[in-house]
Every structure is written in structure tokens, then in C-alpha cells.
Amino acid sequence: MEVDYQYDGSFTGLLSVIFEIYTSRQTPKSIQKNYLSSPNLFANNKYVKTNKTHSDRLLIGLSKKVSRNTIRDLYKAILFESPSSEMHIYGMIKYIFDQPKSVENDFRNNHVLAIQQMAKKVNREVHRMHAFVRFQKTKDDIYTATIHPDYDVIPLIGDHFEKRYSDQSWLIYDVKRDYGLFYDLQKVETIQLNSALMTSQNKVSRSILAEKELDFEKLWKHYFNSTNIPERKNMKLHLQHVPKRYWKYLPEKS
């Protein structure tokens, strides 16, 4: 009998579902995050609680068959947030265990290809966050930035900013998913903010910015305008390097 599985949305939770599928020998009709799915009263629905022991056992088995990069790509497929992500992850894991040789680069398989494509797009978004995040200093001496990425890249960008800005407290907040990262000079932790700290445009409220921050913003705009050569304007090339959807978070574009 086919089962519609639900889980808490975490990668550990998804691996717990896949472990359950193997032990129960039931066929998954679908695998969905419980807060996004609408259970069908006439379907065989099953919610699987996150079990780290089961998840770790599955990870140990995978590590014997594929590289760490492939396991990381499976994780990135969750962050891609496609309705089909979970079934592609399950399909690839099943394919890995069913084959005697390594199949992590067998792009003839639709699951392997889909995972590779999703991971590639997530990687591209991570690199854009590295390039386009703009911090503004608040009255509490915290450098704050808002982002609105296509994919849930918050779990992947903390290490980069911790290494680059290790001497200052900072906050990067995903306004689309309503959570972010806060670095207090010792560690990075996940937090949720009071919405009053944001404006209607999901930017940092002017009321909490440091007095000199607006002056810095003006200087940044002046620098951008002074280095811009109108005669050499190439909007098509510019959009390739700085997509328009990022403009609202760039001081030089506001």
C-alpha cells in the first residue's frame, strides 16, 4: 500500500522518513513537510517523528557508498524547497543502495540529475549572497542585513560571514522565511526577530540605525555614481552580474 509521508521539514526528519520506508517496506506515494501539506482524508497518511539515531544510521550507510559532497548535495536539495525535492532525494538514495557500484555521477538517472541541478542552483544563490549582502550598523553596534533569497540558503552562509567579519557582531535576516543568523563575536546562532525592527519593505527600520549609517549610505551612493560612466553603460551585462531582484537591498540602488 502506498503511503503519504509527512515530516517536520528538517533534513534529519527526511532521513528518518526514508529509514522508516526501508524498515516498513512500504512504498511512498509522497513525502511532504507537515506544515505545507493538506492531508487527504481518504489517503494513507503517516507522520514520522524525527529520530536522530535512525538518521545517523542512514548517513553512515550512505557515506560508505558516496562522497561527502554528494550527501551535501542531498541536503541542498531540501533547501531548494521544491515540492518534488523529497521524492527525488528518496529516489536517489534508493538508487544508491540498489546499485553495487557508485552511481553519484550517473546523470542518466532522473533523480541523480535533479539533485545535481537543485544543488547547483542553491550554490549559485549562496555565492550571490556572499556578493550582495549589505550591512547597516544599528544603534546597538550590530551590523544588520536583510536578504530575500530564492532558496533557503541561511544554513549555508554562516561560516563565510563568521570568518570574514569575526571582529564585529552581525545579523543576517531572511525576510522571506522569517529567520536569520546572529553572530555575537563568539558563535553564530539561528534567531527570529520582532517584525517591528523591519519596515514595510522588509528593510532594516531607519529608527534603529546608527546616526552615521545614513551618511555612510550617502557616501556609498556618491561613490557608485562617480565611478559609473554613462557612455559605457551596458544594462544587459549589468543585469547578468547584479540581477534586478537584489537591487532593493543595495544602497547604491535604493
C-alpha atoms as a PDB file:
ATOM      1  CA  MET A   1       0.000   0.000   0.000  1.00  0.00           C
ATOM      2  CA  GLU A   2       1.280   3.452  -0.910  1.00  0.00           C
ATOM      3  CA  VAL A   3       1.755   5.918   1.929  1.00  0.00           C
ATOM      4  CA  ASP A   4       1.716   9.728   2.049  1.00  0.00           C
ATOM      5  CA  TYR A   5       4.532  10.522   4.475  1.00  0.00           C
ATOM      6  CA  GLN A   6       4.888  13.747   6.432  1.00  0.00           C
ATOM      7  CA  TYR A   7       7.804  15.053   8.485  1.00  0.00           C
ATOM      8  CA  ASP A   8       8.997  18.199  10.292  1.00  0.00           C
ATOM      9  CA  GLY A   9      10.855  19.712   7.327  1.00  0.00           C
ATOM     10  CA  SER A  10      14.400  19.080   8.566  1.00  0.00           C
ATOM     11  CA  PHE A  11      16.999  17.006   6.732  1.00  0.00           C
ATOM     12  CA  THR A  12      17.267  14.744   9.783  1.00  0.00           C
ATOM     13  CA  GLY A  13      13.495  14.361   9.678  1.00  0.00           C
ATOM     14  CA  LEU A  14      13.540  13.403   5.998  1.00  0.00           C
ATOM     15  CA  LEU A  15      16.240  10.784   6.585  1.00  0.00           C
ATOM     16  CA  SER A  16      14.082   9.429   9.419  1.00  0.00           C
ATOM     17  CA  VAL A  17      11.223   9.047   6.923  1.00  0.00           C
ATOM     18  CA  ILE A  18      13.448   7.220   4.432  1.00  0.00           C
ATOM     19  CA  PHE A  19      14.713   4.932   7.209  1.00  0.00           C
ATOM     20  CA  GLU A  20      11.070   4.203   8.102  1.00  0.00           C
ATOM     21  CA  ILE A  21      10.289   3.420   4.458  1.00  0.00           C
ATOM     22  CA  TYR A  22      13.092   0.857   4.347  1.00  0.00           C
ATOM     23  CA  THR A  23      12.191  -0.801   7.648  1.00  0.00           C
ATOM     24  CA  SER A  24       8.433  -0.897   6.998  1.00  0.00           C
ATOM     25  CA  ARG A  25       8.895  -1.862   3.337  1.00  0.00           C
ATOM     26  CA  GLN A  26       6.057   0.441   2.335  1.00  0.00           C
ATOM     27  CA  THR A  27       6.023   2.435  -0.895  1.00  0.00           C
ATOM     28  CA  PRO A  28       5.909   6.220  -0.540  1.00  0.00           C
ATOM     29  CA  LYS A  29       3.277   7.951  -2.652  1.00  0.00           C
ATOM     30  CA  SER A  30       4.552  11.315  -1.458  1.00  0.00           C
ATOM     31  CA  ILE A  31       6.834  12.851   1.183  1.00  0.00           C
ATOM     32  CA  GLN A  32       5.881  16.325   2.367  1.00  0.00           C
ATOM     33  CA  LYS A  33       6.648  18.794   5.115  1.00  0.00           C
ATOM     34  CA  ASN A  34       3.792  18.581   7.596  1.00  0.00           C
ATOM     35  CA  TYR A  35       3.276  22.366   7.770  1.00  0.00           C
ATOM     36  CA  LEU A  36       2.836  22.592   3.990  1.00  0.00           C
ATOM     37  CA  SER A  37       0.741  19.529   3.288  1.00  0.00           C
ATOM     38  CA  SER A  38      -3.039  19.133   3.427  1.00  0.00           C
ATOM     39  CA  PRO A  39      -3.759  15.546   4.481  1.00  0.00           C
ATOM     40  CA  ASN A  40      -6.198  13.641   2.277  1.00  0.00           C
ATOM     41  CA  LEU A  41      -8.867  12.010   4.438  1.00  0.00           C
ATOM     42  CA  PHE A  42      -9.048   9.109   2.008  1.00  0.00           C
ATOM     43  CA  ALA A  43      -5.276   8.580   1.771  1.00  0.00           C
ATOM     44  CA  ASN A  44      -2.945   6.533   3.936  1.00  0.00           C
ATOM     45  CA  ASN A  45      -1.215   9.391   5.783  1.00  0.00           C
ATOM     46  CA  LYS A  46       1.676   8.834   8.152  1.00  0.00           C
ATOM     47  CA  TYR A  47       3.684  11.359  10.154  1.00  0.00           C
ATOM     48  CA  VAL A  48       7.201  10.209  11.031  1.00  0.00           C
ATOM     49  CA  LYS A  49       8.869  11.793  14.054  1.00  0.00           C
ATOM     50  CA  THR A  50      12.479  12.887  13.660  1.00  0.00           C
ATOM     51  CA  ASN A  51      14.792  10.197  15.001  1.00  0.00           C
ATOM     52  CA  LYS A  52      18.472  11.131  15.024  1.00  0.00           C
ATOM     53  CA  THR A  53      19.564   7.533  15.657  1.00  0.00           C
ATOM     54  CA  HIS A  54      17.784   6.373  12.510  1.00  0.00           C
ATOM     55  CA  SER A  55      19.054   9.360  10.556  1.00  0.00           C
ATOM     56  CA  ASP A  56      22.649   8.722  11.611  1.00  0.00           C
ATOM     57  CA  ARG A  57      22.407   5.060  10.642  1.00  0.00           C
ATOM     58  CA  LEU A  58      21.233   6.030   7.179  1.00  0.00           C
ATOM     59  CA  LEU A  59      24.011   8.616   6.854  1.00  0.00           C
ATOM     60  CA  ILE A  60      26.626   6.017   7.842  1.00  0.00           C
ATOM     61  CA  GLY A  61      25.304   3.708   5.153  1.00  0.00           C
ATOM     62  CA  LEU A  62      25.357   6.486   2.557  1.00  0.00           C
ATOM     63  CA  SER A  63      28.909   7.506   3.479  1.00  0.00           C
ATOM     64  CA  LYS A  64      30.069   4.023   2.518  1.00  0.00           C
ATOM     65  CA  LYS A  65      28.560   4.387  -0.959  1.00  0.00           C
ATOM     66  CA  VAL A  66      29.046   8.041  -1.942  1.00  0.00           C
ATOM     67  CA  SER A  67      31.220  11.062  -1.212  1.00  0.00           C
ATOM     68  CA  ARG A  68      30.561  13.767   1.374  1.00  0.00           C
ATOM     69  CA  ASN A  69      29.866  16.201  -1.474  1.00  0.00           C
ATOM     70  CA  THR A  70      27.024  14.023  -2.715  1.00  0.00           C
ATOM     71  CA  ILE A  71      25.489  13.844   0.767  1.00  0.00           C
ATOM     72  CA  ARG A  72      25.811  17.623   0.970  1.00  0.00           C
ATOM     73  CA  ASP A  73      24.028  17.924  -2.391  1.00  0.00           C
ATOM     74  CA  LEU A  74      21.157  15.862  -0.983  1.00  0.00           C
ATOM     75  CA  TYR A  75      20.935  18.357   1.880  1.00  0.00           C
ATOM     76  CA  LYS A  76      20.951  21.292  -0.532  1.00  0.00           C
ATOM     77  CA  ALA A  77      18.040  19.729  -2.413  1.00  0.00           C
ATOM     78  CA  ILE A  78      15.938  20.203   0.746  1.00  0.00           C
ATOM     79  CA  LEU A  79      16.971  23.864   0.865  1.00  0.00           C
ATOM     80  CA  PHE A  80      15.867  24.214  -2.772  1.00  0.00           C
ATOM     81  CA  GLU A  81      12.299  23.910  -1.416  1.00  0.00           C
ATOM     82  CA  SER A  82      10.730  22.261  -4.440  1.00  0.00           C
ATOM     83  CA  PRO A  83       7.581  20.143  -3.895  1.00  0.00           C
ATOM     84  CA  SER A  84       9.462  17.317  -5.619  1.00  0.00           C
ATOM     85  CA  SER A  85      12.684  17.618  -3.581  1.00  0.00           C
ATOM     86  CA  GLU A  86      11.841  14.914  -1.059  1.00  0.00           C
ATOM     87  CA  MET A  87      10.852  12.279  -3.611  1.00  0.00           C
ATOM     88  CA  HIS A  88      13.967  12.990  -5.673  1.00  0.00           C
ATOM     89  CA  ILE A  89      16.120  12.612  -2.551  1.00  0.00           C
ATOM     90  CA  TYR A  90      14.404   9.339  -1.692  1.00  0.00           C
ATOM     91  CA  GLY A  91      14.720   8.149  -5.298  1.00  0.00           C
ATOM     92  CA  MET A  92      18.430   8.902  -5.416  1.00  0.00           C
ATOM     93  CA  ILE A  93      19.111   7.251  -2.058  1.00  0.00           C
ATOM     94  CA  LYS A  94      17.210   4.155  -3.162  1.00  0.00           C
ATOM     95  CA  TYR A  95      19.176   4.104  -6.424  1.00  0.00           C
ATOM     96  CA  ILE A  96      22.459   4.413  -4.499  1.00  0.00           C
ATOM     97  CA  PHE A  97      21.677   1.437  -2.279  1.00  0.00           C
ATOM     98  CA  ASP A  98      20.232  -0.672  -5.100  1.00  0.00           C
ATOM     99  CA  GLN A  99      23.383  -0.479  -7.219  1.00  0.00           C
ATOM    100  CA  PRO A 100      26.616  -2.344  -6.412  1.00  0.00           C
ATOM    101  CA  LYS A 101      28.833   0.441  -7.790  1.00  0.00           C
ATOM    102  CA  SER A 102      28.878   4.187  -7.170  1.00  0.00           C
ATOM    103  CA  VAL A 103      26.143   5.991  -9.096  1.00  0.00           C
ATOM    104  CA  GLU A 104      26.534   9.504  -7.679  1.00  0.00           C
ATOM    105  CA  ASN A 105      27.575  10.825 -11.111  1.00  0.00           C
ATOM    106  CA  ASP A 106      25.144   8.765 -13.155  1.00  0.00           C
ATOM    107  CA  PHE A 107      23.148  11.652 -14.600  1.00  0.00           C
ATOM    108  CA  ARG A 108      21.181   9.291 -16.804  1.00  0.00           C
ATOM    109  CA  ASN A 109      19.080   8.674 -13.705  1.00  0.00           C
ATOM    110  CA  ASN A 110      16.440  11.410 -13.359  1.00  0.00           C
ATOM    111  CA  HIS A 111      16.816  11.573  -9.551  1.00  0.00           C
ATOM    112  CA  VAL A 112      20.594  11.973  -9.675  1.00  0.00           C
ATOM    113  CA  LEU A 113      20.261  14.647 -12.360  1.00  0.00           C
ATOM    114  CA  ALA A 114      17.545  16.523 -10.446  1.00  0.00           C
ATOM    115  CA  ILE A 115      19.594  16.573  -7.229  1.00  0.00           C
ATOM    116  CA  GLN A 116      22.652  17.843  -9.097  1.00  0.00           C
ATOM    117  CA  GLN A 117      20.634  20.633 -10.746  1.00  0.00           C
ATOM    118  CA  MET A 118      18.991  21.734  -7.488  1.00  0.00           C
ATOM    119  CA  ALA A 119      22.309  21.754  -5.630  1.00  0.00           C
ATOM    120  CA  LYS A 120      23.904  23.811  -8.414  1.00  0.00           C
ATOM    121  CA  LYS A 121      21.174  26.468  -8.194  1.00  0.00           C
ATOM    122  CA  VAL A 122      21.453  26.610  -4.403  1.00  0.00           C
ATOM    123  CA  ASN A 123      25.241  27.020  -4.701  1.00  0.00           C
ATOM    124  CA  ARG A 124      24.750  29.897  -7.114  1.00  0.00           C
ATOM    125  CA  GLU A 125      22.393  31.619  -4.679  1.00  0.00           C
ATOM    126  CA  VAL A 126      24.910  31.174  -1.849  1.00  0.00           C
ATOM    127  CA  HIS A 127      27.616  32.901  -3.921  1.00  0.00           C
ATOM    128  CA  ARG A 128      25.233  35.757  -4.695  1.00  0.00           C
ATOM    129  CA  MET A 129      24.519  36.212  -1.008  1.00  0.00           C
ATOM    130  CA  HIS A 130      28.272  36.440  -0.406  1.00  0.00           C
ATOM    131  CA  ALA A 131      28.427  39.204  -3.011  1.00  0.00           C
ATOM    132  CA  PHE A 132      25.238  41.183  -2.422  1.00  0.00           C
ATOM    133  CA  VAL A 133      24.736  41.248   1.355  1.00  0.00           C
ATOM    134  CA  ARG A 134      24.975  44.861   2.563  1.00  0.00           C
ATOM    135  CA  PHE A 135      25.297  45.534   6.289  1.00  0.00           C
ATOM    136  CA  GLN A 136      23.959  48.598   8.087  1.00  0.00           C
ATOM    137  CA  LYS A 137      25.089  49.475  11.593  1.00  0.00           C
ATOM    138  CA  THR A 138      22.378  49.826  14.243  1.00  0.00           C
ATOM    139  CA  LYS A 139      22.388  51.888  17.435  1.00  0.00           C
ATOM    140  CA  ASP A 140      23.303  48.698  19.310  1.00  0.00           C
ATOM    141  CA  ASP A 141      26.501  48.379  17.233  1.00  0.00           C
ATOM    142  CA  ILE A 142      25.169  45.360  15.344  1.00  0.00           C
ATOM    143  CA  TYR A 143      25.764  45.209  11.600  1.00  0.00           C
ATOM    144  CA  THR A 144      22.447  44.098  10.113  1.00  0.00           C
ATOM    145  CA  ALA A 145      21.447  42.943   6.631  1.00  0.00           C
ATOM    146  CA  THR A 146      18.176  41.690   5.171  1.00  0.00           C
ATOM    147  CA  ILE A 147      18.017  39.168   2.351  1.00  0.00           C
ATOM    148  CA  HIS A 148      15.251  37.582   0.269  1.00  0.00           C
ATOM    149  CA  PRO A 149      16.896  34.607  -1.471  1.00  0.00           C
ATOM    150  CA  ASP A 150      15.135  32.281  -3.878  1.00  0.00           C
ATOM    151  CA  TYR A 151      16.202  29.292  -1.781  1.00  0.00           C
ATOM    152  CA  ASP A 152      16.741  28.691   1.929  1.00  0.00           C
ATOM    153  CA  VAL A 153      20.474  29.416   1.988  1.00  0.00           C
ATOM    154  CA  ILE A 154      20.725  30.726   5.568  1.00  0.00           C
ATOM    155  CA  PRO A 155      22.165  27.383   6.818  1.00  0.00           C
ATOM    156  CA  LEU A 156      24.953  27.597   4.218  1.00  0.00           C
ATOM    157  CA  ILE A 157      26.255  31.165   4.579  1.00  0.00           C
ATOM    158  CA  GLY A 158      27.109  31.431   8.285  1.00  0.00           C
ATOM    159  CA  ASP A 159      30.675  30.112   8.032  1.00  0.00           C
ATOM    160  CA  HIS A 160      31.622  32.597   5.315  1.00  0.00           C
ATOM    161  CA  PHE A 161      30.456  35.660   7.229  1.00  0.00           C
ATOM    162  CA  GLU A 162      31.797  34.422  10.555  1.00  0.00           C
ATOM    163  CA  LYS A 163      35.282  34.143   9.033  1.00  0.00           C
ATOM    164  CA  ARG A 164      35.065  37.410   7.131  1.00  0.00           C
ATOM    165  CA  TYR A 165      33.531  39.524   9.910  1.00  0.00           C
ATOM    166  CA  SER A 166      34.797  37.806  13.031  1.00  0.00           C
ATOM    167  CA  ASP A 167      35.598  41.113  14.762  1.00  0.00           C
ATOM    168  CA  GLN A 168      32.050  42.528  14.767  1.00  0.00           C
ATOM    169  CA  SER A 169      28.554  41.473  15.789  1.00  0.00           C
ATOM    170  CA  TRP A 170      26.268  40.967  12.835  1.00  0.00           C
ATOM    171  CA  LEU A 171      22.816  39.806  11.871  1.00  0.00           C
ATOM    172  CA  ILE A 172      21.667  38.455   8.503  1.00  0.00           C
ATOM    173  CA  TYR A 173      17.900  38.064   8.279  1.00  0.00           C
ATOM    174  CA  ASP A 174      15.877  36.193   5.657  1.00  0.00           C
ATOM    175  CA  VAL A 175      12.688  38.244   5.477  1.00  0.00           C
ATOM    176  CA  LYS A 176      11.011  35.704   3.193  1.00  0.00           C
ATOM    177  CA  ARG A 177      11.347  32.843   5.685  1.00  0.00           C
ATOM    178  CA  ASP A 178      11.353  34.998   8.825  1.00  0.00           C
ATOM    179  CA  TYR A 179      14.543  33.786  10.443  1.00  0.00           C
ATOM    180  CA  GLY A 180      18.230  34.585  10.349  1.00  0.00           C
ATOM    181  CA  LEU A 181      21.735  34.275  11.761  1.00  0.00           C
ATOM    182  CA  PHE A 182      23.179  36.312  14.631  1.00  0.00           C
ATOM    183  CA  TYR A 183      26.892  36.425  15.456  1.00  0.00           C
ATOM    184  CA  ASP A 184      27.811  37.736  18.943  1.00  0.00           C
ATOM    185  CA  LEU A 185      31.628  37.614  18.498  1.00  0.00           C
ATOM    186  CA  GLN A 186      31.679  34.082  19.904  1.00  0.00           C
ATOM    187  CA  LYS A 187      29.205  31.948  17.980  1.00  0.00           C
ATOM    188  CA  VAL A 188      26.590  32.030  15.243  1.00  0.00           C
ATOM    189  CA  GLU A 189      23.038  31.116  16.220  1.00  0.00           C
ATOM    190  CA  THR A 190      19.656  30.994  14.487  1.00  0.00           C
ATOM    191  CA  ILE A 191      17.119  33.591  15.629  1.00  0.00           C
ATOM    192  CA  GLN A 192      13.716  35.109  14.823  1.00  0.00           C
ATOM    193  CA  LEU A 193      13.166  38.872  15.046  1.00  0.00           C
ATOM    194  CA  ASN A 194      10.405  41.153  16.186  1.00  0.00           C
ATOM    195  CA  SER A 195       8.767  42.398  12.995  1.00  0.00           C
ATOM    196  CA  ALA A 196       8.878  45.959  14.381  1.00  0.00           C
ATOM    197  CA  LEU A 197      12.567  46.029  13.500  1.00  0.00           C
ATOM    198  CA  MET A 198      11.639  45.886   9.809  1.00  0.00           C
ATOM    199  CA  THR A 199       9.869  48.372   7.563  1.00  0.00           C
ATOM    200  CA  SER A 200       7.007  47.569   5.202  1.00  0.00           C
ATOM    201  CA  GLN A 201       9.650  46.988   2.505  1.00  0.00           C
ATOM    202  CA  ASN A 202      11.350  44.364   4.716  1.00  0.00           C
ATOM    203  CA  LYS A 203      14.389  46.564   5.217  1.00  0.00           C
ATOM    204  CA  VAL A 204      16.043  47.488   8.497  1.00  0.00           C
ATOM    205  CA  SER A 205      13.981  50.221  10.153  1.00  0.00           C
ATOM    206  CA  ARG A 206      15.586  53.663   9.999  1.00  0.00           C
ATOM    207  CA  SER A 207      14.694  54.166  13.674  1.00  0.00           C
ATOM    208  CA  ILE A 208      17.256  51.584  14.844  1.00  0.00           C
ATOM    209  CA  LEU A 209      20.143  52.600  12.582  1.00  0.00           C
ATOM    210  CA  ALA A 210      23.214  54.324  13.984  1.00  0.00           C
ATOM    211  CA  GLU A 211      23.347  58.086  13.339  1.00  0.00           C
ATOM    212  CA  LYS A 212      26.310  57.850  10.963  1.00  0.00           C
ATOM    213  CA  GLU A 213      24.807  54.992   8.959  1.00  0.00           C
ATOM    214  CA  LEU A 214      22.736  57.282   6.727  1.00  0.00           C
ATOM    215  CA  ASP A 215      25.870  59.337   5.998  1.00  0.00           C
ATOM    216  CA  PHE A 216      27.716  56.167   5.003  1.00  0.00           C
ATOM    217  CA  GLU A 217      24.822  55.263   2.729  1.00  0.00           C
ATOM    218  CA  LYS A 218      25.052  58.660   1.000  1.00  0.00           C
ATOM    219  CA  LEU A 219      28.801  58.231   0.565  1.00  0.00           C
ATOM    220  CA  TRP A 220      28.280  54.778  -0.933  1.00  0.00           C
ATOM    221  CA  LYS A 221      25.751  56.181  -3.427  1.00  0.00           C
ATOM    222  CA  HIS A 222      28.101  59.025  -4.320  1.00  0.00           C
ATOM    223  CA  TYR A 223      30.959  56.561  -4.904  1.00  0.00           C
ATOM    224  CA  PHE A 224      28.767  54.398  -7.122  1.00  0.00           C
ATOM    225  CA  ASN A 225      27.597  57.387  -9.185  1.00  0.00           C
ATOM    226  CA  SER A 226      31.087  58.869  -9.517  1.00  0.00           C
ATOM    227  CA  THR A 227      32.572  55.604 -10.833  1.00  0.00           C
ATOM    228  CA  ASN A 228      29.729  55.000 -13.243  1.00  0.00           C
ATOM    229  CA  ILE A 229      30.499  56.029 -16.850  1.00  0.00           C
ATOM    230  CA  PRO A 230      27.215  56.744 -18.709  1.00  0.00           C
ATOM    231  CA  GLU A 231      28.850  56.335 -22.138  1.00  0.00           C
ATOM    232  CA  ARG A 232      29.848  52.775 -21.245  1.00  0.00           C
ATOM    233  CA  LYS A 233      26.505  51.787 -19.784  1.00  0.00           C
ATOM    234  CA  ASN A 234      25.659  48.168 -20.624  1.00  0.00           C
ATOM    235  CA  MET A 235      22.458  47.273 -18.802  1.00  0.00           C
ATOM    236  CA  LYS A 236      22.294  43.734 -20.188  1.00  0.00           C
ATOM    237  CA  LEU A 237      25.755  42.908 -18.838  1.00  0.00           C
ATOM    238  CA  HIS A 238      24.999  44.702 -15.574  1.00  0.00           C
ATOM    239  CA  LEU A 239      21.874  42.622 -15.009  1.00  0.00           C
ATOM    240  CA  GLN A 240      23.846  39.435 -15.595  1.00  0.00           C
ATOM    241  CA  HIS A 241      26.191  40.313 -12.735  1.00  0.00           C
ATOM    242  CA  VAL A 242      23.653  42.068 -10.472  1.00  0.00           C
ATOM    243  CA  PRO A 243      20.131  40.668 -11.061  1.00  0.00           C
ATOM    244  CA  LYS A 244      17.400  43.256 -10.521  1.00  0.00           C
ATOM    245  CA  ARG A 245      15.762  41.311  -7.708  1.00  0.00           C
ATOM    246  CA  TYR A 246      18.774  42.142  -5.494  1.00  0.00           C
ATOM    247  CA  TRP A 247      18.641  45.889  -6.116  1.00  0.00           C
ATOM    248  CA  LYS A 248      16.260  46.700  -3.268  1.00  0.00           C
ATOM    249  CA  TYR A 249      18.873  45.600  -0.732  1.00  0.00           C
ATOM    250  CA  LEU A 250      21.780  47.522  -2.301  1.00  0.00           C
ATOM    251  CA  PRO A 251      22.319  51.085  -1.012  1.00  0.00           C
ATOM    252  CA  GLU A 252      23.620  52.244  -4.390  1.00  0.00           C
ATOM    253  CA  LYS A 253      20.332  51.146  -5.992  1.00  0.00           C
ATOM    254  CA  SER A 254      17.850  52.465  -3.424  1.00  0.00           C
END
